Amino acid sequence: MDRHAEDATSIEWMETDACYNYHVMNAWDDPEHPQRVTLVTCRSAMTGALGMADIRTTQFDGDQQVGVLKECVEEATLHRFVLDTEVHTRLIDVLS
């Protein structure tokens, strides 16, 4: 969204692979390419925090269906997202 916008009509959505970004560490506009926004996030493939993910699966015990908890490994890594609103592309890389 243009930071000088007067309403939400200028919001631009960009899709990425499904994940959970636990925390945005930093975000900035690229001074050389104003259509680009960079985000550095703490990203995890899944989370069970605050009930935000369905970590239950269905198994059968004979003919009885039961819900059991799946293993939820919350391992986060730093990722950089570079979002280009002009050409609607994204670059995502892992920061070590």
PDB file of N, CA and C in Angstrom:
ATOM      1  N   MET A   1       0.846  -1.163   0.000  1.00  0.00           N
ATOM      2  CA  MET A   1       0.000   0.000   0.000  1.00  0.00           C
ATOM      3  C   MET A   1       0.898   1.234   0.000  1.00  0.00           C
ATOM      4  N   ASP A   2       0.596   2.133  -0.829  1.00  0.00           N
ATOM      5  CA  ASP A   2       1.329   3.402  -0.870  1.00  0.00           C
ATOM      6  C   ASP A   2       1.247   4.058   0.507  1.00  0.00           C
ATOM      7  N   ARG A   3       2.376   4.420   1.063  1.00  0.00           N
ATOM      8  CA  ARG A   3       2.363   4.970   2.416  1.00  0.00           C
ATOM      9  C   ARG A   3       1.642   6.308   2.504  1.00  0.00           C
ATOM     10  N   HIS A   4       1.374   6.942   1.372  1.00  0.00           N
ATOM     11  CA  HIS A   4       0.659   8.216   1.370  1.00  0.00           C
ATOM     12  C   HIS A   4      -0.793   8.050   0.922  1.00  0.00           C
ATOM     13  N   ALA A   5      -1.251   6.820   0.808  1.00  0.00           N
ATOM     14  CA  ALA A   5      -2.621   6.559   0.355  1.00  0.00           C
ATOM     15  C   ALA A   5      -3.631   7.055   1.390  1.00  0.00           C
ATOM     16  N   GLU A   6      -4.790   7.439   0.901  1.00  0.00           N
ATOM     17  CA  GLU A   6      -5.837   7.929   1.793  1.00  0.00           C
ATOM     18  C   GLU A   6      -6.832   6.839   2.167  1.00  0.00           C
ATOM     19  N   ASP A   7      -6.790   5.709   1.455  1.00  0.00           N
ATOM     20  CA  ASP A   7      -7.663   4.586   1.794  1.00  0.00           C
ATOM     21  C   ASP A   7      -6.981   3.288   1.350  1.00  0.00           C
ATOM     22  N   ALA A   8      -7.668   2.175   1.525  1.00  0.00           N
ATOM     23  CA  ALA A   8      -7.065   0.855   1.281  1.00  0.00           C
ATOM     24  C   ALA A   8      -7.174   0.389  -0.169  1.00  0.00           C
ATOM     25  N   THR A   9      -7.645   1.209  -1.079  1.00  0.00           N
ATOM     26  CA  THR A   9      -7.818   0.762  -2.466  1.00  0.00           C
ATOM     27  C   THR A   9      -6.490   0.489  -3.163  1.00  0.00           C
ATOM     28  N   SER A  10      -5.384   0.986  -2.622  1.00  0.00           N
ATOM     29  CA  SER A  10      -4.087   0.771  -3.281  1.00  0.00           C
ATOM     30  C   SER A  10      -3.317  -0.423  -2.714  1.00  0.00           C
ATOM     31  N   ILE A  11      -3.946  -1.230  -1.873  1.00  0.00           N
ATOM     32  CA  ILE A  11      -3.263  -2.415  -1.340  1.00  0.00           C
ATOM     33  C   ILE A  11      -2.963  -3.371  -2.482  1.00  0.00           C
ATOM     34  N   GLU A  12      -1.730  -3.876  -2.530  1.00  0.00           N
ATOM     35  CA  GLU A  12      -1.329  -4.869  -3.526  1.00  0.00           C
ATOM     36  C   GLU A  12      -0.946  -6.135  -2.785  1.00  0.00           C
ATOM     37  N   TRP A  13      -1.597  -7.247  -3.114  1.00  0.00           N
ATOM     38  CA  TRP A  13      -1.315  -8.527  -2.481  1.00  0.00           C
ATOM     39  C   TRP A  13      -0.314  -9.296  -3.326  1.00  0.00           C
ATOM     40  N   MET A  14       0.644  -9.938  -2.664  1.00  0.00           N
ATOM     41  CA  MET A  14       1.628 -10.760  -3.358  1.00  0.00           C
ATOM     42  C   MET A  14       1.648 -12.111  -2.673  1.00  0.00           C
ATOM     43  N   GLU A  15       1.514 -13.172  -3.446  1.00  0.00           N
ATOM     44  CA  GLU A  15       1.471 -14.515  -2.884  1.00  0.00           C
ATOM     45  C   GLU A  15       2.863 -15.096  -2.711  1.00  0.00           C
ATOM     46  N   THR A  16       3.014 -15.887  -1.647  1.00  0.00           N
ATOM     47  CA  THR A  16       4.234 -16.648  -1.413  1.00  0.00           C
ATOM     48  C   THR A  16       3.811 -18.051  -0.996  1.00  0.00           C
ATOM     49  N   ASP A  17       4.768 -18.928  -0.824  1.00  0.00           N
ATOM     50  CA  ASP A  17       4.454 -20.245  -0.298  1.00  0.00           C
ATOM     51  C   ASP A  17       3.899 -20.093   1.114  1.00  0.00           C
ATOM     52  N   ALA A  18       3.035 -21.011   1.498  1.00  0.00           N
ATOM     53  CA  ALA A  18       2.450 -20.963   2.838  1.00  0.00           C
ATOM     54  C   ALA A  18       3.541 -21.137   3.884  1.00  0.00           C
ATOM     55  N   CYS A  19       3.509 -20.299   4.895  1.00  0.00           N
ATOM     56  CA  CYS A  19       4.472 -20.380   5.988  1.00  0.00           C
ATOM     57  C   CYS A  19       3.942 -19.532   7.133  1.00  0.00           C
ATOM     58  N   TYR A  20       4.671 -19.501   8.220  1.00  0.00           N
ATOM     59  CA  TYR A  20       4.331 -18.679   9.367  1.00  0.00           C
ATOM     60  C   TYR A  20       5.523 -17.768   9.633  1.00  0.00           C
ATOM     61  N   ASN A  21       5.316 -16.471   9.502  1.00  0.00           N
ATOM     62  CA  ASN A  21       6.362 -15.496   9.809  1.00  0.00           C
ATOM     63  C   ASN A  21       6.146 -15.023  11.235  1.00  0.00           C
ATOM     64  N   TYR A  22       6.962 -15.580  12.123  1.00  0.00           N
ATOM     65  CA  TYR A  22       6.819 -15.338  13.548  1.00  0.00           C
ATOM     66  C   TYR A  22       7.023 -13.874  13.887  1.00  0.00           C
ATOM     67  N   HIS A  23       7.966 -13.258  13.236  1.00  0.00           N
ATOM     68  CA  HIS A  23       8.283 -11.867  13.560  1.00  0.00           C
ATOM     69  C   HIS A  23       8.956 -11.220  12.352  1.00  0.00           C
ATOM     70  N   VAL A  24       8.558 -10.007  12.031  1.00  0.00           N
ATOM     71  CA  VAL A  24       9.267  -9.237  11.004  1.00  0.00           C
ATOM     72  C   VAL A  24      10.374  -8.483  11.731  1.00  0.00           C
ATOM     73  N   MET A  25      11.609  -8.819  11.391  1.00  0.00           N
ATOM     74  CA  MET A  25      12.755  -8.209  12.065  1.00  0.00           C
ATOM     75  C   MET A  25      13.010  -6.787  11.567  1.00  0.00           C
ATOM     76  N   ASN A  26      12.814  -6.607  10.241  1.00  0.00           N
ATOM     77  CA  ASN A  26      13.077  -5.305   9.646  1.00  0.00           C
ATOM     78  C   ASN A  26      12.358  -5.254   8.299  1.00  0.00           C
ATOM     79  N   ALA A  27      12.057  -4.069   7.851  1.00  0.00           N
ATOM     80  CA  ALA A  27      11.436  -3.858   6.539  1.00  0.00           C
ATOM     81  C   ALA A  27      11.843  -2.476   6.047  1.00  0.00           C
ATOM     82  N   TRP A  28      12.088  -2.377   4.726  1.00  0.00           N
ATOM     83  CA  TRP A  28      12.468  -1.084   4.184  1.00  0.00           C
ATOM     84  C   TRP A  28      12.165  -1.013   2.697  1.00  0.00           C
ATOM     85  N   ASP A  29      12.024   0.218   2.220  1.00  0.00           N
ATOM     86  CA  ASP A  29      11.893   0.489   0.792  1.00  0.00           C
ATOM     87  C   ASP A  29      13.296   0.542   0.212  1.00  0.00           C
ATOM     88  N   ASP A  30      13.452   0.038  -1.004  1.00  0.00           N
ATOM     89  CA  ASP A  30      14.739   0.075  -1.681  1.00  0.00           C
ATOM     90  C   ASP A  30      14.914   1.473  -2.282  1.00  0.00           C
ATOM     91  N   PRO A  31      15.906   2.247  -1.832  1.00  0.00           N
ATOM     92  CA  PRO A  31      16.052   3.616  -2.341  1.00  0.00           C
ATOM     93  C   PRO A  31      16.375   3.687  -3.829  1.00  0.00           C
ATOM     94  N   GLU A  32      17.012   2.627  -4.376  1.00  0.00           N
ATOM     95  CA  GLU A  32      17.336   2.629  -5.802  1.00  0.00           C
ATOM     96  C   GLU A  32      16.199   2.101  -6.660  1.00  0.00           C
ATOM     97  N   HIS A  33      15.287   1.339  -6.070  1.00  0.00           N
ATOM     98  CA  HIS A  33      14.147   0.756  -6.778  1.00  0.00           C
ATOM     99  C   HIS A  33      12.909   0.948  -5.908  1.00  0.00           C
ATOM    100  N   PRO A  34      12.237   2.101  -6.018  1.00  0.00           N
ATOM    101  CA  PRO A  34      11.138   2.422  -5.102  1.00  0.00           C
ATOM    102  C   PRO A  34       9.952   1.455  -5.151  1.00  0.00           C
ATOM    103  N   GLN A  35       9.877   0.626  -6.183  1.00  0.00           N
ATOM    104  CA  GLN A  35       8.789  -0.347  -6.268  1.00  0.00           C
ATOM    105  C   GLN A  35       9.085  -1.612  -5.460  1.00  0.00           C
ATOM    106  N   ARG A  36      10.278  -1.702  -4.869  1.00  0.00           N
ATOM    107  CA  ARG A  36      10.677  -2.888  -4.103  1.00  0.00           C
ATOM    108  C   ARG A  36      10.618  -2.631  -2.602  1.00  0.00           C
ATOM    109  N   VAL A  37      10.127  -3.631  -1.901  1.00  0.00           N
ATOM    110  CA  VAL A  37      10.089  -3.620  -0.443  1.00  0.00           C
ATOM    111  C   VAL A  37      10.829  -4.862   0.029  1.00  0.00           C
ATOM    112  N   THR A  38      11.710  -4.703   1.002  1.00  0.00           N
ATOM    113  CA  THR A  38      12.447  -5.832   1.561  1.00  0.00           C
ATOM    114  C   THR A  38      11.963  -6.078   2.983  1.00  0.00           C
ATOM    115  N   LEU A  39      11.700  -7.346   3.285  1.00  0.00           N
ATOM    116  CA  LEU A  39      11.315  -7.762   4.636  1.00  0.00           C
ATOM    117  C   LEU A  39      12.299  -8.819   5.101  1.00  0.00           C
ATOM    118  N   VAL A  40      12.744  -8.732   6.337  1.00  0.00           N
ATOM    119  CA  VAL A  40      13.539  -9.789   6.951  1.00  0.00           C
ATOM    120  C   VAL A  40      12.670 -10.356   8.064  1.00  0.00           C
ATOM    121  N   THR A  41      12.373 -11.661   7.963  1.00  0.00           N
ATOM    122  CA  THR A  41      11.446 -12.272   8.902  1.00  0.00           C
ATOM    123  C   THR A  41      12.034 -13.515   9.548  1.00  0.00           C
ATOM    124  N   CYS A  42      11.451 -13.897  10.642  1.00  0.00           N
ATOM    125  CA  CYS A  42      11.749 -15.159  11.303  1.00  0.00           C
ATOM    126  C   CYS A  42      10.641 -16.110  10.840  1.00  0.00           C
ATOM    127  N   ARG A  43      10.957 -17.015   9.921  1.00  0.00           N
ATOM    128  CA  ARG A  43       9.964 -17.824   9.222  1.00  0.00           C
ATOM    129  C   ARG A  43      10.036 -19.286   9.653  1.00  0.00           C
ATOM    130  N   SER A  44       8.858 -19.872   9.824  1.00  0.00           N
ATOM    131  CA  SER A  44       8.741 -21.278  10.195  1.00  0.00           C
ATOM    132  C   SER A  44       7.760 -21.939   9.239  1.00  0.00           C
ATOM    133  N   ALA A  45       7.964 -23.199   8.951  1.00  0.00           N
ATOM    134  CA  ALA A  45       7.069 -23.912   8.041  1.00  0.00           C
ATOM    135  C   ALA A  45       5.693 -24.117   8.675  1.00  0.00           C
ATOM    136  N   MET A  46       5.643 -24.224  10.011  1.00  0.00           N
ATOM    137  CA  MET A  46       4.359 -24.417  10.684  1.00  0.00           C
ATOM    138  C   MET A  46       4.474 -23.943  12.122  1.00  0.00           C
ATOM    139  N   THR A  47       3.329 -23.751  12.757  1.00  0.00           N
ATOM    140  CA  THR A  47       3.318 -23.400  14.170  1.00  0.00           C
ATOM    141  C   THR A  47       2.051 -23.930  14.809  1.00  0.00           C
ATOM    142  N   GLY A  48       2.137 -24.211  16.062  1.00  0.00           N
ATOM    143  CA  GLY A  48       0.961 -24.583  16.840  1.00  0.00           C
ATOM    144  C   GLY A  48       0.604 -23.474  17.813  1.00  0.00           C
ATOM    145  N   ALA A  49       1.289 -22.336  17.703  1.00  0.00           N
ATOM    146  CA  ALA A  49       1.092 -21.226  18.635  1.00  0.00           C
ATOM    147  C   ALA A  49      -0.317 -20.667  18.578  1.00  0.00           C
ATOM    148  N   LEU A  50      -0.880 -20.464  19.723  1.00  0.00           N
ATOM    149  CA  LEU A  50      -2.180 -19.801  19.869  1.00  0.00           C
ATOM    150  C   LEU A  50      -3.278 -20.448  19.034  1.00  0.00           C
ATOM    151  N   GLY A  51      -3.149 -21.729  18.759  1.00  0.00           N
ATOM    152  CA  GLY A  51      -4.169 -22.412  17.969  1.00  0.00           C
ATOM    153  C   GLY A  51      -4.232 -21.943  16.530  1.00  0.00           C
ATOM    154  N   MET A  52      -3.138 -21.396  16.008  1.00  0.00           N
ATOM    155  CA  MET A  52      -3.138 -20.814  14.668  1.00  0.00           C
ATOM    156  C   MET A  52      -2.992 -21.852  13.567  1.00  0.00           C
ATOM    157  N   ALA A  53      -2.739 -23.087  13.924  1.00  0.00           N
ATOM    158  CA  ALA A  53      -2.611 -24.127  12.902  1.00  0.00           C
ATOM    159  C   ALA A  53      -3.368 -25.359  13.370  1.00  0.00           C
ATOM    160  N   ASP A  54      -3.906 -26.070  12.439  1.00  0.00           N
ATOM    161  CA  ASP A  54      -4.571 -27.317  12.767  1.00  0.00           C
ATOM    162  C   ASP A  54      -3.505 -28.395  12.819  1.00  0.00           C
ATOM    163  N   ILE A  55      -3.126 -28.760  14.030  1.00  0.00           N
ATOM    164  CA  ILE A  55      -2.078 -29.768  14.172  1.00  0.00           C
ATOM    165  C   ILE A  55      -2.674 -31.112  14.573  1.00  0.00           C
ATOM    166  N   ARG A  56      -3.955 -31.277  14.289  1.00  0.00           N
ATOM    167  CA  ARG A  56      -4.611 -32.559  14.555  1.00  0.00           C
ATOM    168  C   ARG A  56      -4.757 -33.314  13.239  1.00  0.00           C
ATOM    169  N   THR A  57      -4.679 -34.587  13.333  1.00  0.00           N
ATOM    170  CA  THR A  57      -4.890 -35.438  12.167  1.00  0.00           C
ATOM    171  C   THR A  57      -5.866 -36.532  12.578  1.00  0.00           C
ATOM    172  N   THR A  58      -6.444 -37.198  11.632  1.00  0.00           N
ATOM    173  CA  THR A  58      -7.422 -38.239  11.921  1.00  0.00           C
ATOM    174  C   THR A  58      -6.791 -39.607  11.717  1.00  0.00           C
ATOM    175  N   GLN A  59      -6.988 -40.466  12.692  1.00  0.00           N
ATOM    176  CA  GLN A  59      -6.563 -41.855  12.576  1.00  0.00           C
ATOM    177  C   GLN A  59      -7.750 -42.733  12.942  1.00  0.00           C
ATOM    178  N   PHE A  60      -7.667 -43.975  12.588  1.00  0.00           N
ATOM    179  CA  PHE A  60      -8.741 -44.909  12.900  1.00  0.00           C
ATOM    180  C   PHE A  60      -8.247 -45.955  13.875  1.00  0.00           C
ATOM    181  N   ASP A  61      -9.041 -46.213  14.901  1.00  0.00           N
ATOM    182  CA  ASP A  61      -8.781 -47.269  15.870  1.00  0.00           C
ATOM    183  C   ASP A  61      -9.892 -48.294  15.665  1.00  0.00           C
ATOM    184  N   GLY A  62      -9.606 -49.301  14.832  1.00  0.00           N
ATOM    185  CA  GLY A  62     -10.670 -50.209  14.402  1.00  0.00           C
ATOM    186  C   GLY A  62     -11.591 -49.437  13.477  1.00  0.00           C
ATOM    187  N   ASP A  63     -12.842 -49.341  13.829  1.00  0.00           N
ATOM    188  CA  ASP A  63     -13.758 -48.544  13.014  1.00  0.00           C
ATOM    189  C   ASP A  63     -14.048 -47.190  13.668  1.00  0.00           C
ATOM    190  N   GLN A  64     -13.347 -46.885  14.752  1.00  0.00           N
ATOM    191  CA  GLN A  64     -13.532 -45.625  15.484  1.00  0.00           C
ATOM    192  C   GLN A  64     -12.565 -44.568  14.955  1.00  0.00           C
ATOM    193  N   GLN A  65     -13.065 -43.401  14.584  1.00  0.00           N
ATOM    194  CA  GLN A  65     -12.220 -42.307  14.118  1.00  0.00           C
ATOM    195  C   GLN A  65     -11.792 -41.477  15.329  1.00  0.00           C
ATOM    196  N   VAL A  66     -10.495 -41.226  15.464  1.00  0.00           N
ATOM    197  CA  VAL A  66      -9.991 -40.440  16.593  1.00  0.00           C
ATOM    198  C   VAL A  66      -9.072 -39.334  16.078  1.00  0.00           C
ATOM    199  N   GLY A  67      -9.068 -38.204  16.790  1.00  0.00           N
ATOM    200  CA  GLY A  67      -8.167 -37.106  16.443  1.00  0.00           C
ATOM    201  C   GLY A  67      -6.925 -37.180  17.303  1.00  0.00           C
ATOM    202  N   VAL A  68      -5.774 -37.094  16.694  1.00  0.00           N
ATOM    203  CA  VAL A  68      -4.512 -37.123  17.437  1.00  0.00           C
ATOM    204  C   VAL A  68      -3.661 -35.931  17.004  1.00  0.00           C
ATOM    205  N   LEU A  69      -2.780 -35.509  17.886  1.00  0.00           N
ATOM    206  CA  LEU A  69      -1.896 -34.394  17.564  1.00  0.00           C
ATOM    207  C   LEU A  69      -0.766 -34.860  16.659  1.00  0.00           C
ATOM    208  N   LYS A  70      -0.520 -34.091  15.596  1.00  0.00           N
ATOM    209  CA  LYS A  70       0.653 -34.340  14.755  1.00  0.00           C
ATOM    210  C   LYS A  70       1.863 -33.725  15.451  1.00  0.00           C
ATOM    211  N   GLU A  71       3.028 -34.213  15.104  1.00  0.00           N
ATOM    212  CA  GLU A  71       4.244 -33.604  15.622  1.00  0.00           C
ATOM    213  C   GLU A  71       4.386 -32.228  14.975  1.00  0.00           C
ATOM    214  N   CYS A  72       4.585 -31.219  15.774  1.00  0.00           N
ATOM    215  CA  CYS A  72       4.730 -29.853  15.276  1.00  0.00           C
ATOM    216  C   CYS A  72       6.124 -29.364  15.655  1.00  0.00           C
ATOM    217  N   VAL A  73       7.015 -29.339  14.691  1.00  0.00           N
ATOM    218  CA  VAL A  73       8.384 -28.886  14.932  1.00  0.00           C
ATOM    219  C   VAL A  73       8.464 -27.415  14.535  1.00  0.00           C
ATOM    220  N   GLU A  74       8.634 -26.569  15.528  1.00  0.00           N
ATOM    221  CA  GLU A  74       8.685 -25.132  15.268  1.00  0.00           C
ATOM    222  C   GLU A  74      10.136 -24.688  15.180  1.00  0.00           C
ATOM    223  N   GLU A  75      10.679 -24.786  13.982  1.00  0.00           N
ATOM    224  CA  GLU A  75      12.063 -24.407  13.746  1.00  0.00           C
ATOM    225  C   GLU A  75      12.056 -23.215  12.803  1.00  0.00           C
ATOM    226  N   ALA A  76      12.488 -22.079  13.300  1.00  0.00           N
ATOM    227  CA  ALA A  76      12.446 -20.858  12.506  1.00  0.00           C
ATOM    228  C   ALA A  76      13.832 -20.478  11.999  1.00  0.00           C
ATOM    229  N   THR A  77      13.858 -19.876  10.819  1.00  0.00           N
ATOM    230  CA  THR A  77      15.098 -19.368  10.241  1.00  0.00           C
ATOM    231  C   THR A  77      14.844 -17.971   9.692  1.00  0.00           C
ATOM    232  N   LEU A  78      15.897 -17.190   9.603  1.00  0.00           N
ATOM    233  CA  LEU A  78      15.765 -15.848   9.029  1.00  0.00           C
ATOM    234  C   LEU A  78      15.626 -15.947   7.519  1.00  0.00           C
ATOM    235  N   HIS A  79      14.652 -15.235   6.978  1.00  0.00           N
ATOM    236  CA  HIS A  79      14.423 -15.176   5.534  1.00  0.00           C
ATOM    237  C   HIS A  79      14.335 -13.723   5.096  1.00  0.00           C
ATOM    238  N   ARG A  80      14.784 -13.482   3.881  1.00  0.00           N
ATOM    239  CA  ARG A  80      14.628 -12.158   3.285  1.00  0.00           C
ATOM    240  C   ARG A  80      13.635 -12.275   2.126  1.00  0.00           C
ATOM    241  N   PHE A  81      12.612 -11.458   2.178  1.00  0.00           N
ATOM    242  CA  PHE A  81      11.635 -11.360   1.092  1.00  0.00           C
ATOM    243  C   PHE A  81      11.886 -10.037   0.384  1.00  0.00           C
ATOM    244  N   VAL A  82      12.089 -10.066  -0.919  1.00  0.00           N
ATOM    245  CA  VAL A  82      12.178  -8.841  -1.715  1.00  0.00           C
ATOM    246  C   VAL A  82      10.961  -8.858  -2.630  1.00  0.00           C
ATOM    247  N   LEU A  83      10.033  -7.958  -2.382  1.00  0.00           N
ATOM    248  CA  LEU A  83       8.775  -7.908  -3.131  1.00  0.00           C
ATOM    249  C   LEU A  83       8.826  -6.742  -4.100  1.00  0.00           C
ATOM    250  N   ASP A  84       8.596  -7.021  -5.368  1.00  0.00           N
ATOM    251  CA  ASP A  84       8.611  -5.988  -6.403  1.00  0.00           C
ATOM    252  C   ASP A  84       7.179  -5.761  -6.861  1.00  0.00           C
ATOM    253  N   THR A  85       6.618  -4.623  -6.511  1.00  0.00           N
ATOM    254  CA  THR A  85       5.212  -4.346  -6.819  1.00  0.00           C
ATOM    255  C   THR A  85       4.990  -3.955  -8.281  1.00  0.00           C
ATOM    256  N   GLU A  86       6.044  -3.599  -8.984  1.00  0.00           N
ATOM    257  CA  GLU A  86       5.891  -3.204 -10.388  1.00  0.00           C
ATOM    258  C   GLU A  86       5.695  -4.416 -11.291  1.00  0.00           C
ATOM    259  N   VAL A  87       6.474  -5.461 -11.069  1.00  0.00           N
ATOM    260  CA  VAL A  87       6.388  -6.652 -11.917  1.00  0.00           C
ATOM    261  C   VAL A  87       5.809  -7.858 -11.174  1.00  0.00           C
ATOM    262  N   HIS A  88       5.332  -7.609  -9.933  1.00  0.00           N
ATOM    263  CA  HIS A  88       4.692  -8.641  -9.100  1.00  0.00           C
ATOM    264  C   HIS A  88       5.545  -9.908  -8.985  1.00  0.00           C
ATOM    265  N   THR A  89       6.795  -9.712  -8.618  1.00  0.00           N
ATOM    266  CA  THR A  89       7.687 -10.850  -8.392  1.00  0.00           C
ATOM    267  C   THR A  89       8.187 -10.793  -6.958  1.00  0.00           C
ATOM    268  N   ARG A  90       8.719 -11.895  -6.510  1.00  0.00           N
ATOM    269  CA  ARG A  90       9.283 -11.952  -5.186  1.00  0.00           C
ATOM    270  C   ARG A  90      10.542 -12.790  -5.202  1.00  0.00           C
ATOM    271  N   LEU A  91      11.468 -12.441  -4.381  1.00  0.00           N
ATOM    272  CA  LEU A  91      12.694 -13.220  -4.179  1.00  0.00           C
ATOM    273  C   LEU A  91      12.714 -13.550  -2.695  1.00  0.00           C
ATOM    274  N   ILE A  92      12.893 -14.819  -2.406  1.00  0.00           N
ATOM    275  CA  ILE A  92      12.968 -15.231  -1.000  1.00  0.00           C
ATOM    276  C   ILE A  92      14.254 -16.022  -0.839  1.00  0.00           C
ATOM    277  N   ASP A  93      15.096 -15.591   0.123  1.00  0.00           N
ATOM    278  CA  ASP A  93      16.267 -16.394   0.403  1.00  0.00           C
ATOM    279  C   ASP A  93      16.477 -16.517   1.899  1.00  0.00           C
ATOM    280  N   VAL A  94      17.173 -17.594   2.257  1.00  0.00           N
ATOM    281  CA  VAL A  94      17.460 -17.882   3.656  1.00  0.00           C
ATOM    282  C   VAL A  94      18.737 -17.145   4.033  1.00  0.00           C
ATOM    283  N   LEU A  95      18.685 -16.474   5.158  1.00  0.00           N
ATOM    284  CA  LEU A  95      19.865 -15.776   5.650  1.00  0.00           C
ATOM    285  C   LEU A  95      20.533 -16.657   6.693  1.00  0.00           C
ATOM    286  N   SER A  96      21.825 -16.835   6.578  1.00  0.00           N
ATOM    287  CA  SER A  96      22.507 -17.702   7.553  1.00  0.00           C
ATOM    288  C   SER A  96      23.218 -16.902   8.597  1.00  0.00           C
TER     289      SER A  96
END
